[in-house]
Amino acid sequence: MTSKSQIEVENKLISIVQQDDQDYISLTDMVRDEEGSDHIRNWMRNRNTVEFIGLWETLNNPNFKHVEFDTFRKQSGLNSFNLTPKKWIEATNAIGIIAKSGRYGGTYAHKDLAFEFGSWISPMFKLLLIKEYQRLKEIESNQYNLEWNVKRILTKTNYQIHTDAVQDCILPKKNYDKNKEWLVYAEEADLLNVALFKCTAKDWREANPDKAKK
């Protein structure tokens, strides 16, 4: 888990972490000071929940164990049925729910499942959770675009300085192929791109085709 952030819903600070470039929201924080882990287990033993998280895994997890899932689905609804995050993960190889100890510890769920858990708490809580999550994503997107634009301006500003330096200090004064001069400039430009953007111009265009056209 990396890049922890937080949102606030009904005076509760709720952690969000990333795993495999996906956002996972802390279910533990969502029910802190209420019923805690019991609340999460009660949600997971519900038949509708088992079917929902099982369907999510079917759509998103190629390594999901459907036989074990079918066993849980048949047992759900019985008074004797009990399901914990750890039991679910170990039995079905699930990826939508994560149980962690230590730093960022607790039970986390992919945002799709966390929103469903929010419904279990209350419809209002779910709506507020979605609203605050969307607000966080808008802030992060604006920050990314601002950082990208600043770096782009900085690159343009330094371009003339960089090309002058190449001409004065790197290109040989004589006895070189003028037709291959562009290769030297391209190599030096890529050094600047790697320093600012952590990738070459070619790599960046392939990763950002929408921005490359602008």
N, C-alpha and C. Protein backbone atom coordinates (compact mmCIF):
# COMPACT_ATOMS: atom_id res chain seq x y z
N MET A 1 0.84 -1.19 0.00
CA MET A 1 0.00 0.00 0.00
C MET A 1 0.88 1.26 0.00
N THR A 2 0.45 2.26 -0.76
CA THR A 2 1.23 3.48 -0.85
C THR A 2 0.30 4.68 -0.89
N SER A 3 0.93 5.87 -0.81
CA SER A 3 0.25 7.16 -1.00
C SER A 3 -1.07 7.27 -0.24
N LYS A 4 -0.95 7.39 1.07
CA LYS A 4 -2.13 7.50 1.91
C LYS A 4 -2.70 8.91 1.84
N SER A 5 -4.03 9.02 1.75
CA SER A 5 -4.73 10.29 1.83
C SER A 5 -5.96 10.09 2.69
N GLN A 6 -6.66 11.18 3.01
CA GLN A 6 -7.81 11.08 3.91
C GLN A 6 -8.95 11.98 3.43
N ILE A 7 -10.16 11.55 3.75
CA ILE A 7 -11.34 12.39 3.57
C ILE A 7 -12.10 12.39 4.89
N GLU A 8 -12.98 13.35 5.08
CA GLU A 8 -13.76 13.43 6.32
C GLU A 8 -15.25 13.29 6.00
N VAL A 9 -15.88 12.34 6.66
CA VAL A 9 -17.31 12.10 6.48
C VAL A 9 -17.95 11.97 7.86
N GLU A 10 -18.90 12.84 8.16
CA GLU A 10 -19.59 12.84 9.45
C GLU A 10 -18.59 12.81 10.61
N ASN A 11 -17.63 13.72 10.54
CA ASN A 11 -16.61 13.90 11.59
C ASN A 11 -15.67 12.70 11.75
N LYS A 12 -15.60 11.84 10.74
CA LYS A 12 -14.69 10.70 10.77
C LYS A 12 -13.63 10.87 9.69
N LEU A 13 -12.37 10.76 10.08
CA LEU A 13 -11.28 10.80 9.11
C LEU A 13 -11.11 9.39 8.53
N ILE A 14 -11.29 9.27 7.23
CA ILE A 14 -11.28 7.97 6.57
C ILE A 14 -10.07 7.91 5.63
N SER A 15 -9.22 6.92 5.85
CA SER A 15 -8.00 6.77 5.06
C SER A 15 -8.27 6.12 3.72
N ILE A 16 -7.52 6.57 2.72
CA ILE A 16 -7.56 5.98 1.38
C ILE A 16 -6.12 5.68 0.98
N VAL A 17 -5.88 4.45 0.56
CA VAL A 17 -4.54 4.07 0.11
C VAL A 17 -4.65 3.49 -1.30
N GLN A 18 -3.52 3.42 -1.96
CA GLN A 18 -3.48 2.84 -3.30
C GLN A 18 -2.77 1.51 -3.30
N GLN A 19 -3.33 0.57 -4.02
CA GLN A 19 -2.68 -0.71 -4.27
C GLN A 19 -2.95 -1.09 -5.72
N ASP A 20 -1.86 -1.37 -6.45
CA ASP A 20 -1.97 -1.67 -7.88
C ASP A 20 -2.73 -0.57 -8.61
N ASP A 21 -2.43 0.68 -8.25
CA ASP A 21 -3.03 1.86 -8.88
C ASP A 21 -4.54 1.96 -8.69
N GLN A 22 -5.07 1.29 -7.68
CA GLN A 22 -6.50 1.36 -7.36
C GLN A 22 -6.68 1.92 -5.95
N ASP A 23 -7.75 2.69 -5.75
CA ASP A 23 -8.02 3.28 -4.44
C ASP A 23 -8.77 2.29 -3.56
N TYR A 24 -8.27 2.14 -2.33
CA TYR A 24 -8.91 1.31 -1.32
C TYR A 24 -9.23 2.19 -0.12
N ILE A 25 -10.48 2.12 0.33
CA ILE A 25 -10.97 2.97 1.41
C ILE A 25 -11.08 2.15 2.69
N SER A 26 -10.70 2.75 3.80
CA SER A 26 -10.69 2.05 5.08
C SER A 26 -12.11 1.84 5.62
N LEU A 27 -12.54 0.59 5.67
CA LEU A 27 -13.82 0.26 6.30
C LEU A 27 -13.71 0.44 7.81
N THR A 28 -12.53 0.17 8.34
CA THR A 28 -12.29 0.31 9.79
C THR A 28 -12.55 1.74 10.23
N ASP A 29 -12.06 2.72 9.45
CA ASP A 29 -12.28 4.13 9.79
C ASP A 29 -13.75 4.52 9.66
N MET A 30 -14.45 3.89 8.72
CA MET A 30 -15.85 4.24 8.49
C MET A 30 -16.73 3.86 9.67
N VAL A 31 -16.33 2.87 10.48
CA VAL A 31 -17.15 2.45 11.62
C VAL A 31 -16.38 2.58 12.94
N ARG A 32 -15.35 3.40 12.92
CA ARG A 32 -14.57 3.59 14.15
C ARG A 32 -15.45 4.18 15.25
N ASP A 33 -15.26 3.68 16.46
CA ASP A 33 -16.03 4.13 17.64
C ASP A 33 -17.50 3.73 17.58
N GLU A 34 -17.84 2.79 16.70
CA GLU A 34 -19.22 2.30 16.67
C GLU A 34 -19.21 0.81 17.03
N GLU A 35 -19.24 -0.04 16.00
CA GLU A 35 -19.19 -1.47 16.27
C GLU A 35 -17.92 -2.11 15.72
N GLY A 36 -17.09 -1.30 15.10
CA GLY A 36 -15.80 -1.76 14.64
C GLY A 36 -15.84 -2.99 13.76
N SER A 37 -14.97 -3.95 14.08
CA SER A 37 -14.86 -5.16 13.27
C SER A 37 -16.15 -5.98 13.26
N ASP A 38 -16.94 -5.91 14.33
CA ASP A 38 -18.22 -6.62 14.36
C ASP A 38 -19.15 -6.10 13.27
N HIS A 39 -19.12 -4.80 13.05
CA HIS A 39 -19.96 -4.19 12.03
C HIS A 39 -19.55 -4.70 10.65
N ILE A 40 -18.25 -4.81 10.42
CA ILE A 40 -17.75 -5.30 9.13
C ILE A 40 -18.13 -6.77 8.93
N ARG A 41 -17.98 -7.57 9.97
CA ARG A 41 -18.34 -8.99 9.86
C ARG A 41 -19.83 -9.18 9.62
N ASN A 42 -20.65 -8.37 10.30
CA ASN A 42 -22.09 -8.47 10.08
C ASN A 42 -22.47 -8.13 8.65
N TRP A 43 -21.78 -7.15 8.10
CA TRP A 43 -22.02 -6.79 6.70
C TRP A 43 -21.62 -7.93 5.77
N MET A 44 -20.48 -8.55 6.04
CA MET A 44 -19.95 -9.58 5.15
C MET A 44 -20.75 -10.88 5.23
N ARG A 45 -21.42 -11.16 6.33
CA ARG A 45 -22.18 -12.40 6.44
C ARG A 45 -23.57 -12.29 5.81
N ASN A 46 -23.94 -11.08 5.40
CA ASN A 46 -25.22 -10.87 4.75
C ASN A 46 -25.20 -11.49 3.34
N ARG A 47 -26.26 -12.16 2.97
CA ARG A 47 -26.31 -12.85 1.68
C ARG A 47 -26.13 -11.89 0.49
N ASN A 48 -26.78 -10.75 0.54
CA ASN A 48 -26.64 -9.78 -0.55
C ASN A 48 -25.20 -9.29 -0.69
N THR A 49 -24.53 -9.13 0.46
CA THR A 49 -23.13 -8.69 0.44
C THR A 49 -22.25 -9.75 -0.19
N VAL A 50 -22.43 -11.00 0.22
CA VAL A 50 -21.62 -12.08 -0.33
C VAL A 50 -21.78 -12.15 -1.84
N GLU A 51 -23.00 -12.03 -2.32
CA GLU A 51 -23.23 -12.08 -3.76
C GLU A 51 -22.62 -10.87 -4.46
N PHE A 52 -22.70 -9.71 -3.83
CA PHE A 52 -22.16 -8.50 -4.45
C PHE A 52 -20.64 -8.55 -4.54
N ILE A 53 -19.97 -8.86 -3.44
CA ILE A 53 -18.50 -8.87 -3.49
C ILE A 53 -17.99 -10.04 -4.33
N GLY A 54 -18.76 -11.12 -4.38
CA GLY A 54 -18.39 -12.24 -5.24
C GLY A 54 -18.50 -11.87 -6.71
N LEU A 55 -19.55 -11.13 -7.07
CA LEU A 55 -19.72 -10.68 -8.44
C LEU A 55 -18.62 -9.70 -8.82
N TRP A 56 -18.26 -8.81 -7.89
CA TRP A 56 -17.16 -7.86 -8.16
C TRP A 56 -15.87 -8.61 -8.45
N GLU A 57 -15.57 -9.62 -7.64
CA GLU A 57 -14.35 -10.40 -7.86
C GLU A 57 -14.40 -11.13 -9.21
N THR A 58 -15.57 -11.64 -9.55
CA THR A 58 -15.72 -12.34 -10.84
C THR A 58 -15.39 -11.43 -12.01
N LEU A 59 -15.78 -10.17 -11.90
CA LEU A 59 -15.56 -9.20 -12.97
C LEU A 59 -14.14 -8.65 -12.99
N ASN A 60 -13.47 -8.64 -11.84
CA ASN A 60 -12.19 -7.94 -11.74
C ASN A 60 -10.99 -8.80 -11.37
N ASN A 61 -11.23 -10.04 -11.00
CA ASN A 61 -10.15 -10.87 -10.48
C ASN A 61 -10.09 -12.21 -11.22
N PRO A 62 -9.16 -12.37 -12.17
CA PRO A 62 -9.07 -13.63 -12.93
C PRO A 62 -8.66 -14.83 -12.08
N ASN A 63 -8.11 -14.58 -10.89
CA ASN A 63 -7.66 -15.66 -10.01
C ASN A 63 -8.65 -15.96 -8.88
N PHE A 64 -9.83 -15.42 -9.01
CA PHE A 64 -10.85 -15.63 -7.98
C PHE A 64 -11.30 -17.10 -7.97
N LYS A 65 -11.44 -17.65 -6.76
CA LYS A 65 -11.83 -19.06 -6.61
C LYS A 65 -13.35 -19.16 -6.47
N HIS A 66 -14.00 -19.53 -7.57
CA HIS A 66 -15.45 -19.53 -7.61
C HIS A 66 -16.08 -20.66 -6.80
N VAL A 67 -15.38 -21.78 -6.69
CA VAL A 67 -15.94 -22.91 -5.93
C VAL A 67 -16.10 -22.52 -4.46
N GLU A 68 -15.07 -21.91 -3.91
CA GLU A 68 -15.13 -21.46 -2.52
C GLU A 68 -16.19 -20.38 -2.34
N PHE A 69 -16.30 -19.51 -3.34
CA PHE A 69 -17.33 -18.47 -3.29
C PHE A 69 -18.73 -19.09 -3.25
N ASP A 70 -18.97 -20.08 -4.07
CA ASP A 70 -20.28 -20.75 -4.09
C ASP A 70 -20.62 -21.37 -2.74
N THR A 71 -19.58 -21.87 -2.06
CA THR A 71 -19.80 -22.45 -0.72
C THR A 71 -20.28 -21.37 0.24
N PHE A 72 -19.62 -20.21 0.22
CA PHE A 72 -20.02 -19.11 1.09
C PHE A 72 -21.41 -18.62 0.74
N ARG A 73 -21.72 -18.56 -0.53
CA ARG A 73 -23.03 -18.06 -0.95
C ARG A 73 -24.15 -18.98 -0.47
N LYS A 74 -23.92 -20.27 -0.51
CA LYS A 74 -24.93 -21.23 -0.04
C LYS A 74 -25.11 -21.15 1.47
N GLN A 75 -24.04 -20.85 2.19
CA GLN A 75 -24.10 -20.80 3.64
C GLN A 75 -24.65 -19.47 4.16
N SER A 76 -24.50 -18.41 3.36
CA SER A 76 -24.92 -17.08 3.81
C SER A 76 -26.41 -17.07 4.12
N GLY A 77 -26.77 -16.34 5.15
CA GLY A 77 -28.16 -16.29 5.58
C GLY A 77 -28.45 -17.21 6.74
N LEU A 78 -27.62 -18.25 6.93
CA LEU A 78 -27.80 -19.14 8.07
C LEU A 78 -27.31 -18.46 9.34
N ASN A 79 -27.96 -18.77 10.46
CA ASN A 79 -27.55 -18.16 11.73
C ASN A 79 -26.12 -18.53 12.11
N SER A 80 -25.67 -19.71 11.67
CA SER A 80 -24.34 -20.17 12.02
C SER A 80 -23.25 -19.61 11.11
N PHE A 81 -23.66 -18.93 10.04
CA PHE A 81 -22.68 -18.45 9.07
C PHE A 81 -21.94 -17.23 9.60
N ASN A 82 -20.63 -17.26 9.47
CA ASN A 82 -19.78 -16.15 9.90
C ASN A 82 -18.69 -15.95 8.86
N LEU A 83 -18.44 -14.71 8.49
CA LEU A 83 -17.42 -14.42 7.47
C LEU A 83 -16.62 -13.19 7.86
N THR A 84 -15.32 -13.35 7.93
CA THR A 84 -14.41 -12.25 8.24
C THR A 84 -13.62 -11.89 6.99
N PRO A 85 -13.05 -10.68 6.94
CA PRO A 85 -12.23 -10.31 5.79
C PRO A 85 -11.09 -11.31 5.55
N LYS A 86 -10.40 -11.71 6.60
CA LYS A 86 -9.28 -12.64 6.46
C LYS A 86 -9.74 -13.98 5.90
N LYS A 87 -10.86 -14.48 6.41
CA LYS A 87 -11.39 -15.77 5.94
C LYS A 87 -11.78 -15.68 4.46
N TRP A 88 -12.41 -14.61 4.07
CA TRP A 88 -12.83 -14.40 2.69
C TRP A 88 -11.63 -14.33 1.75
N ILE A 89 -10.61 -13.58 2.15
CA ILE A 89 -9.41 -13.40 1.32
C ILE A 89 -8.67 -14.72 1.14
N GLU A 90 -8.45 -15.42 2.25
CA GLU A 90 -7.67 -16.67 2.19
C GLU A 90 -8.40 -17.76 1.42
N ALA A 91 -9.71 -17.82 1.54
CA ALA A 91 -10.47 -18.90 0.89
C ALA A 91 -10.68 -18.66 -0.60
N THR A 92 -10.90 -17.41 -0.99
CA THR A 92 -11.28 -17.14 -2.39
C THR A 92 -10.20 -16.44 -3.20
N ASN A 93 -9.09 -16.08 -2.55
CA ASN A 93 -8.04 -15.32 -3.24
C ASN A 93 -8.56 -13.96 -3.71
N ALA A 94 -9.41 -13.36 -2.89
CA ALA A 94 -10.04 -12.08 -3.23
C ALA A 94 -9.03 -10.95 -3.20
N ILE A 95 -9.29 -9.93 -4.03
CA ILE A 95 -8.43 -8.74 -4.09
C ILE A 95 -9.21 -7.47 -3.76
N GLY A 96 -10.52 -7.56 -3.66
CA GLY A 96 -11.34 -6.37 -3.42
C GLY A 96 -11.31 -5.90 -1.98
N ILE A 97 -10.99 -6.80 -1.06
CA ILE A 97 -10.90 -6.47 0.36
C ILE A 97 -9.52 -6.84 0.85
N ILE A 98 -8.93 -5.96 1.65
CA ILE A 98 -7.58 -6.16 2.15
C ILE A 98 -7.59 -5.99 3.67
N ALA A 99 -7.00 -6.93 4.37
CA ALA A 99 -6.85 -6.85 5.82
C ALA A 99 -5.38 -6.69 6.14
N LYS A 100 -5.00 -5.57 6.75
CA LYS A 100 -3.60 -5.27 7.02
C LYS A 100 -3.39 -4.95 8.50
N SER A 101 -2.21 -5.28 8.97
CA SER A 101 -1.80 -4.90 10.32
C SER A 101 -0.66 -3.89 10.21
N GLY A 102 -0.31 -3.27 11.32
CA GLY A 102 0.79 -2.33 11.31
C GLY A 102 0.39 -1.02 10.67
N ARG A 103 1.36 -0.39 9.98
CA ARG A 103 1.12 0.90 9.35
C ARG A 103 -0.02 0.77 8.33
N TYR A 104 -0.93 1.76 8.34
CA TYR A 104 -2.12 1.74 7.50
C TYR A 104 -2.95 0.50 7.79
N GLY A 105 -2.88 -0.02 9.01
CA GLY A 105 -3.58 -1.25 9.34
C GLY A 105 -5.09 -1.09 9.37
N GLY A 106 -5.78 -2.25 9.32
CA GLY A 106 -7.23 -2.26 9.32
C GLY A 106 -7.77 -2.98 8.10
N THR A 107 -9.07 -2.90 7.91
CA THR A 107 -9.71 -3.51 6.75
C THR A 107 -10.00 -2.44 5.71
N TYR A 108 -9.48 -2.65 4.52
CA TYR A 108 -9.70 -1.75 3.40
C TYR A 108 -10.47 -2.47 2.31
N ALA A 109 -11.24 -1.70 1.54
CA ALA A 109 -11.99 -2.29 0.42
C ALA A 109 -11.85 -1.38 -0.79
N HIS A 110 -11.83 -2.01 -1.97
CA HIS A 110 -11.85 -1.23 -3.20
C HIS A 110 -13.02 -0.25 -3.13
N LYS A 111 -12.84 0.91 -3.72
CA LYS A 111 -13.87 1.95 -3.61
C LYS A 111 -15.26 1.46 -4.00
N ASP A 112 -15.35 0.57 -4.98
CA ASP A 112 -16.67 0.05 -5.37
C ASP A 112 -17.34 -0.67 -4.21
N LEU A 113 -16.55 -1.45 -3.47
CA LEU A 113 -17.09 -2.20 -2.34
C LEU A 113 -17.28 -1.30 -1.13
N ALA A 114 -16.38 -0.32 -0.97
CA ALA A 114 -16.50 0.60 0.17
C ALA A 114 -17.78 1.43 0.07
N PHE A 115 -18.15 1.83 -1.14
CA PHE A 115 -19.40 2.58 -1.31
C PHE A 115 -20.59 1.72 -0.93
N GLU A 116 -20.53 0.43 -1.26
CA GLU A 116 -21.60 -0.49 -0.90
C GLU A 116 -21.68 -0.65 0.62
N PHE A 117 -20.51 -0.70 1.27
CA PHE A 117 -20.48 -0.77 2.73
C PHE A 117 -21.08 0.50 3.33
N GLY A 118 -20.85 1.63 2.64
CA GLY A 118 -21.45 2.88 3.10
C GLY A 118 -22.96 2.81 3.14
N SER A 119 -23.56 2.09 2.19
CA SER A 119 -25.02 1.91 2.20
C SER A 119 -25.47 1.14 3.42
N TRP A 120 -24.63 0.21 3.85
CA TRP A 120 -24.94 -0.59 5.05
C TRP A 120 -25.01 0.30 6.29
N ILE A 121 -24.16 1.32 6.30
CA ILE A 121 -24.16 2.25 7.42
C ILE A 121 -25.40 3.13 7.35
N SER A 122 -25.59 3.81 6.21
CA SER A 122 -26.81 4.59 5.96
C SER A 122 -26.72 5.17 4.55
N PRO A 123 -27.87 5.39 3.91
CA PRO A 123 -27.84 6.01 2.58
C PRO A 123 -27.15 7.37 2.59
N MET A 124 -27.38 8.16 3.65
CA MET A 124 -26.74 9.46 3.74
C MET A 124 -25.22 9.34 3.82
N PHE A 125 -24.75 8.38 4.60
CA PHE A 125 -23.31 8.18 4.74
C PHE A 125 -22.70 7.84 3.38
N LYS A 126 -23.37 6.97 2.63
CA LYS A 126 -22.86 6.58 1.31
C LYS A 126 -22.76 7.79 0.40
N LEU A 127 -23.80 8.63 0.36
CA LEU A 127 -23.79 9.79 -0.51
C LEU A 127 -22.69 10.77 -0.13
N LEU A 128 -22.51 10.98 1.18
CA LEU A 128 -21.45 11.87 1.64
C LEU A 128 -20.07 11.30 1.34
N LEU A 129 -19.94 9.99 1.47
CA LEU A 129 -18.67 9.32 1.17
C LEU A 129 -18.30 9.51 -0.29
N ILE A 130 -19.26 9.27 -1.19
CA ILE A 130 -19.01 9.43 -2.62
C ILE A 130 -18.67 10.88 -2.95
N LYS A 131 -19.40 11.82 -2.34
CA LYS A 131 -19.17 13.23 -2.60
C LYS A 131 -17.76 13.65 -2.17
N GLU A 132 -17.34 13.24 -0.99
CA GLU A 132 -16.01 13.61 -0.50
C GLU A 132 -14.90 12.92 -1.29
N TYR A 133 -15.16 11.69 -1.71
CA TYR A 133 -14.17 10.99 -2.53
C TYR A 133 -13.98 11.69 -3.87
N GLN A 134 -15.09 12.08 -4.50
CA GLN A 134 -15.01 12.78 -5.77
C GLN A 134 -14.31 14.13 -5.62
N ARG A 135 -14.56 14.80 -4.52
CA ARG A 135 -13.90 16.08 -4.26
C ARG A 135 -12.39 15.88 -4.14
N LEU A 136 -11.97 14.81 -3.46
CA LEU A 136 -10.55 14.51 -3.33
C LEU A 136 -9.91 14.24 -4.69
N LYS A 137 -10.60 13.48 -5.54
CA LYS A 137 -10.07 13.17 -6.87
C LYS A 137 -9.93 14.43 -7.72
N GLU A 138 -10.87 15.37 -7.58
CA GLU A 138 -10.80 16.62 -8.32
C GLU A 138 -9.59 17.44 -7.88
N ILE A 139 -9.35 17.47 -6.56
CA ILE A 139 -8.19 18.19 -6.03
C ILE A 139 -6.90 17.58 -6.54
N GLU A 140 -6.82 16.24 -6.49
CA GLU A 140 -5.62 15.56 -6.95
C GLU A 140 -5.39 15.78 -8.44
N SER A 141 -6.47 15.78 -9.22
CA SER A 141 -6.36 16.00 -10.66
C SER A 141 -5.87 17.41 -10.96
N ASN A 142 -6.40 18.38 -10.24
CA ASN A 142 -5.98 19.77 -10.44
C ASN A 142 -4.52 19.95 -10.06
N GLN A 143 -4.09 19.32 -8.98
CA GLN A 143 -2.70 19.41 -8.56
C GLN A 143 -1.77 18.79 -9.60
N TYR A 144 -2.20 17.65 -10.17
CA TYR A 144 -1.38 16.99 -11.19
C TYR A 144 -1.27 17.86 -12.43
N ASN A 145 -2.40 18.45 -12.87
CA ASN A 145 -2.37 19.29 -14.07
C ASN A 145 -1.52 20.54 -13.85
N LEU A 146 -1.60 21.11 -12.64
CA LEU A 146 -0.79 22.29 -12.33
C LEU A 146 0.69 21.94 -12.37
N GLU A 147 1.05 20.82 -11.75
CA GLU A 147 2.45 20.39 -11.73
C GLU A 147 2.95 20.13 -13.15
N TRP A 148 2.11 19.48 -13.97
CA TRP A 148 2.51 19.17 -15.34
C TRP A 148 2.71 20.45 -16.14
N ASN A 149 1.81 21.44 -15.97
CA ASN A 149 1.93 22.69 -16.71
C ASN A 149 3.15 23.48 -16.29
N VAL A 150 3.46 23.47 -14.99
CA VAL A 150 4.66 24.17 -14.50
C VAL A 150 5.91 23.55 -15.12
N LYS A 151 5.97 22.22 -15.12
CA LYS A 151 7.13 21.55 -15.70
C LYS A 151 7.23 21.82 -17.20
N ARG A 152 6.07 21.88 -17.86
CA ARG A 152 6.07 22.14 -19.30
C ARG A 152 6.61 23.52 -19.60
N ILE A 153 6.18 24.52 -18.82
CA ILE A 153 6.66 25.89 -18.98
C ILE A 153 8.15 25.97 -18.70
N LEU A 154 8.58 25.27 -17.63
CA LEU A 154 10.00 25.27 -17.27
C LEU A 154 10.84 24.66 -18.39
N THR A 155 10.33 23.60 -19.01
CA THR A 155 11.06 22.96 -20.10
C THR A 155 11.20 23.92 -21.28
N LYS A 156 10.10 24.62 -21.62
CA LYS A 156 10.17 25.57 -22.73
C LYS A 156 11.13 26.72 -22.44
N THR A 157 11.11 27.19 -21.19
CA THR A 157 11.97 28.30 -20.80
C THR A 157 13.44 27.94 -20.93
N ASN A 158 13.75 26.70 -20.55
CA ASN A 158 15.14 26.27 -20.56
C ASN A 158 15.59 25.70 -21.90
N TYR A 159 14.67 25.58 -22.86
CA TYR A 159 15.01 24.94 -24.12
C TYR A 159 16.11 25.71 -24.86
N GLN A 160 15.93 27.06 -24.95
CA GLN A 160 16.91 27.86 -25.69
C GLN A 160 18.27 27.81 -25.01
N ILE A 161 18.25 27.89 -23.66
CA ILE A 161 19.50 27.82 -22.91
C ILE A 161 20.20 26.49 -23.16
N HIS A 162 19.41 25.44 -23.19
CA HIS A 162 19.95 24.10 -23.36
C HIS A 162 20.55 23.91 -24.75
N THR A 163 19.82 24.38 -25.77
CA THR A 163 20.32 24.20 -27.14
C THR A 163 21.57 25.05 -27.38
N ASP A 164 21.62 26.24 -26.78
CA ASP A 164 22.82 27.07 -26.91
C ASP A 164 24.03 26.38 -26.27
N ALA A 165 23.77 25.73 -25.11
CA ALA A 165 24.85 25.03 -24.43
C ALA A 165 25.34 23.85 -25.26
N VAL A 166 24.41 23.15 -25.90
CA VAL A 166 24.81 22.03 -26.77
C VAL A 166 25.69 22.53 -27.90
N GLN A 167 25.27 23.65 -28.51
CA GLN A 167 26.02 24.18 -29.64
C GLN A 167 27.40 24.66 -29.22
N ASP A 168 27.49 25.30 -28.05
CA ASP A 168 28.76 25.89 -27.62
C ASP A 168 29.71 24.88 -26.99
N CYS A 169 29.14 23.87 -26.29
CA CYS A 169 30.00 23.02 -25.46
C CYS A 169 30.06 21.55 -25.88
N ILE A 170 29.07 21.07 -26.62
CA ILE A 170 29.02 19.64 -26.91
C ILE A 170 29.34 19.34 -28.38
N LEU A 171 28.75 20.13 -29.30
CA LEU A 171 29.03 19.88 -30.71
C LEU A 171 30.49 20.19 -31.02
N PRO A 172 31.16 19.36 -31.76
CA PRO A 172 32.54 19.66 -32.15
C PRO A 172 32.59 20.88 -33.05
N LYS A 173 33.65 21.61 -32.96
CA LYS A 173 33.76 22.85 -33.72
C LYS A 173 33.96 22.60 -35.22
N LYS A 174 34.47 21.44 -35.55
CA LYS A 174 34.68 21.14 -36.97
C LYS A 174 34.75 19.63 -37.16
N ASN A 175 34.76 19.22 -38.41
CA ASN A 175 34.89 17.81 -38.78
C ASN A 175 33.78 16.94 -38.17
N TYR A 176 32.53 17.35 -38.31
CA TYR A 176 31.42 16.50 -37.88
C TYR A 176 30.32 16.59 -38.93
N ASP A 177 29.47 15.57 -38.92
CA ASP A 177 28.41 15.46 -39.93
C ASP A 177 27.26 16.38 -39.55
N LYS A 178 27.08 17.46 -40.29
CA LYS A 178 26.03 18.44 -40.00
C LYS A 178 24.65 17.79 -40.05
N ASN A 179 24.49 16.78 -40.93
CA ASN A 179 23.18 16.14 -41.08
C ASN A 179 22.78 15.34 -39.85
N LYS A 180 23.75 14.99 -38.99
CA LYS A 180 23.45 14.21 -37.78
C LYS A 180 23.45 15.07 -36.52
N GLU A 181 23.52 16.38 -36.74
CA GLU A 181 23.56 17.30 -35.60
C GLU A 181 22.31 17.16 -34.72
N TRP A 182 21.15 16.89 -35.37
CA TRP A 182 19.88 16.80 -34.62
C TRP A 182 19.91 15.69 -33.59
N LEU A 183 20.70 14.63 -33.84
CA LEU A 183 20.79 13.52 -32.90
C LEU A 183 21.36 13.97 -31.56
N VAL A 184 22.35 14.85 -31.63
CA VAL A 184 22.97 15.36 -30.40
C VAL A 184 21.96 16.18 -29.62
N TYR A 185 21.22 17.05 -30.34
CA TYR A 185 20.21 17.86 -29.66
C TYR A 185 19.11 16.97 -29.05
N ALA A 186 18.71 15.94 -29.77
CA ALA A 186 17.66 15.04 -29.28
C ALA A 186 18.10 14.31 -28.02
N GLU A 187 19.34 13.85 -28.01
CA GLU A 187 19.85 13.14 -26.83
C GLU A 187 19.90 14.06 -25.62
N GLU A 188 20.33 15.28 -25.82
CA GLU A 188 20.41 16.23 -24.71
C GLU A 188 19.02 16.64 -24.24
N ALA A 189 18.09 16.80 -25.19
CA ALA A 189 16.71 17.14 -24.81
C ALA A 189 16.10 16.03 -23.97
N ASP A 190 16.39 14.79 -24.29
CA ASP A 190 15.87 13.68 -23.51
C ASP A 190 16.43 13.68 -22.10
N LEU A 191 17.66 14.13 -21.92
CA LEU A 191 18.22 14.24 -20.57
C LEU A 191 17.40 15.22 -19.74
N LEU A 192 17.01 16.33 -20.36
CA LEU A 192 16.20 17.32 -19.67
C LEU A 192 14.81 16.77 -19.35
N ASN A 193 14.24 16.03 -20.30
CA ASN A 193 12.92 15.43 -20.08
C ASN A 193 12.94 14.41 -18.95
N VAL A 194 13.99 13.60 -18.90
CA VAL A 194 14.11 12.60 -17.84
C VAL A 194 14.26 13.29 -16.49
N ALA A 195 15.01 14.38 -16.45
CA ALA A 195 15.22 15.10 -15.19
C ALA A 195 13.92 15.69 -14.66
N LEU A 196 13.07 16.19 -15.58
CA LEU A 196 11.84 16.85 -15.14
C LEU A 196 10.65 15.90 -15.08
N PHE A 197 10.51 15.03 -16.10
CA PHE A 197 9.32 14.20 -16.21
C PHE A 197 9.57 12.73 -15.92
N LYS A 198 10.82 12.36 -15.63
CA LYS A 198 11.18 10.96 -15.34
C LYS A 198 10.97 10.04 -16.54
N CYS A 199 10.95 10.59 -17.75
CA CYS A 199 10.81 9.76 -18.95
C CYS A 199 11.25 10.57 -20.15
N THR A 200 11.52 9.89 -21.26
CA THR A 200 11.88 10.58 -22.49
C THR A 200 10.63 11.13 -23.16
N ALA A 201 10.83 11.99 -24.16
CA ALA A 201 9.69 12.56 -24.88
C ALA A 201 8.85 11.47 -25.53
N LYS A 202 9.51 10.47 -26.10
CA LYS A 202 8.81 9.37 -26.76
C LYS A 202 7.98 8.59 -25.75
N ASP A 203 8.60 8.27 -24.59
CA ASP A 203 7.87 7.53 -23.56
C ASP A 203 6.65 8.32 -23.07
N TRP A 204 6.84 9.64 -22.91
CA TRP A 204 5.74 10.47 -22.42
C TRP A 204 4.59 10.52 -23.41
N ARG A 205 4.91 10.66 -24.72
CA ARG A 205 3.86 10.71 -25.73
C ARG A 205 3.05 9.42 -25.77
N GLU A 206 3.74 8.29 -25.60
CA GLU A 206 3.04 7.00 -25.61
C GLU A 206 2.15 6.83 -24.39
N ALA A 207 2.56 7.39 -23.24
CA ALA A 207 1.78 7.25 -22.00
C ALA A 207 0.67 8.29 -21.90
N ASN A 208 0.80 9.41 -22.65
CA ASN A 208 -0.18 10.50 -22.58
C ASN A 208 -0.61 10.93 -23.98
N PRO A 209 -1.26 10.05 -24.74
CA PRO A 209 -1.62 10.40 -26.12
C PRO A 209 -2.58 11.59 -26.21
N ASP A 210 -3.42 11.79 -25.17
CA ASP A 210 -4.36 12.90 -25.20
C ASP A 210 -3.66 14.24 -25.08
N LYS A 211 -2.63 14.31 -24.21
CA LYS A 211 -1.90 15.56 -24.02
C LYS A 211 -0.89 15.78 -25.14
N ALA A 212 -0.38 14.70 -25.74
CA ALA A 212 0.63 14.82 -26.78
C ALA A 212 0.10 15.54 -28.00
N LYS A 213 -1.24 15.49 -28.20
CA LYS A 213 -1.83 16.12 -29.38
C LYS A 213 -2.00 17.62 -29.20
N LYS A 214 -1.87 18.09 -27.95
CA LYS A 214 -2.12 19.51 -27.66
C LYS A 214 -0.89 20.34 -28.03
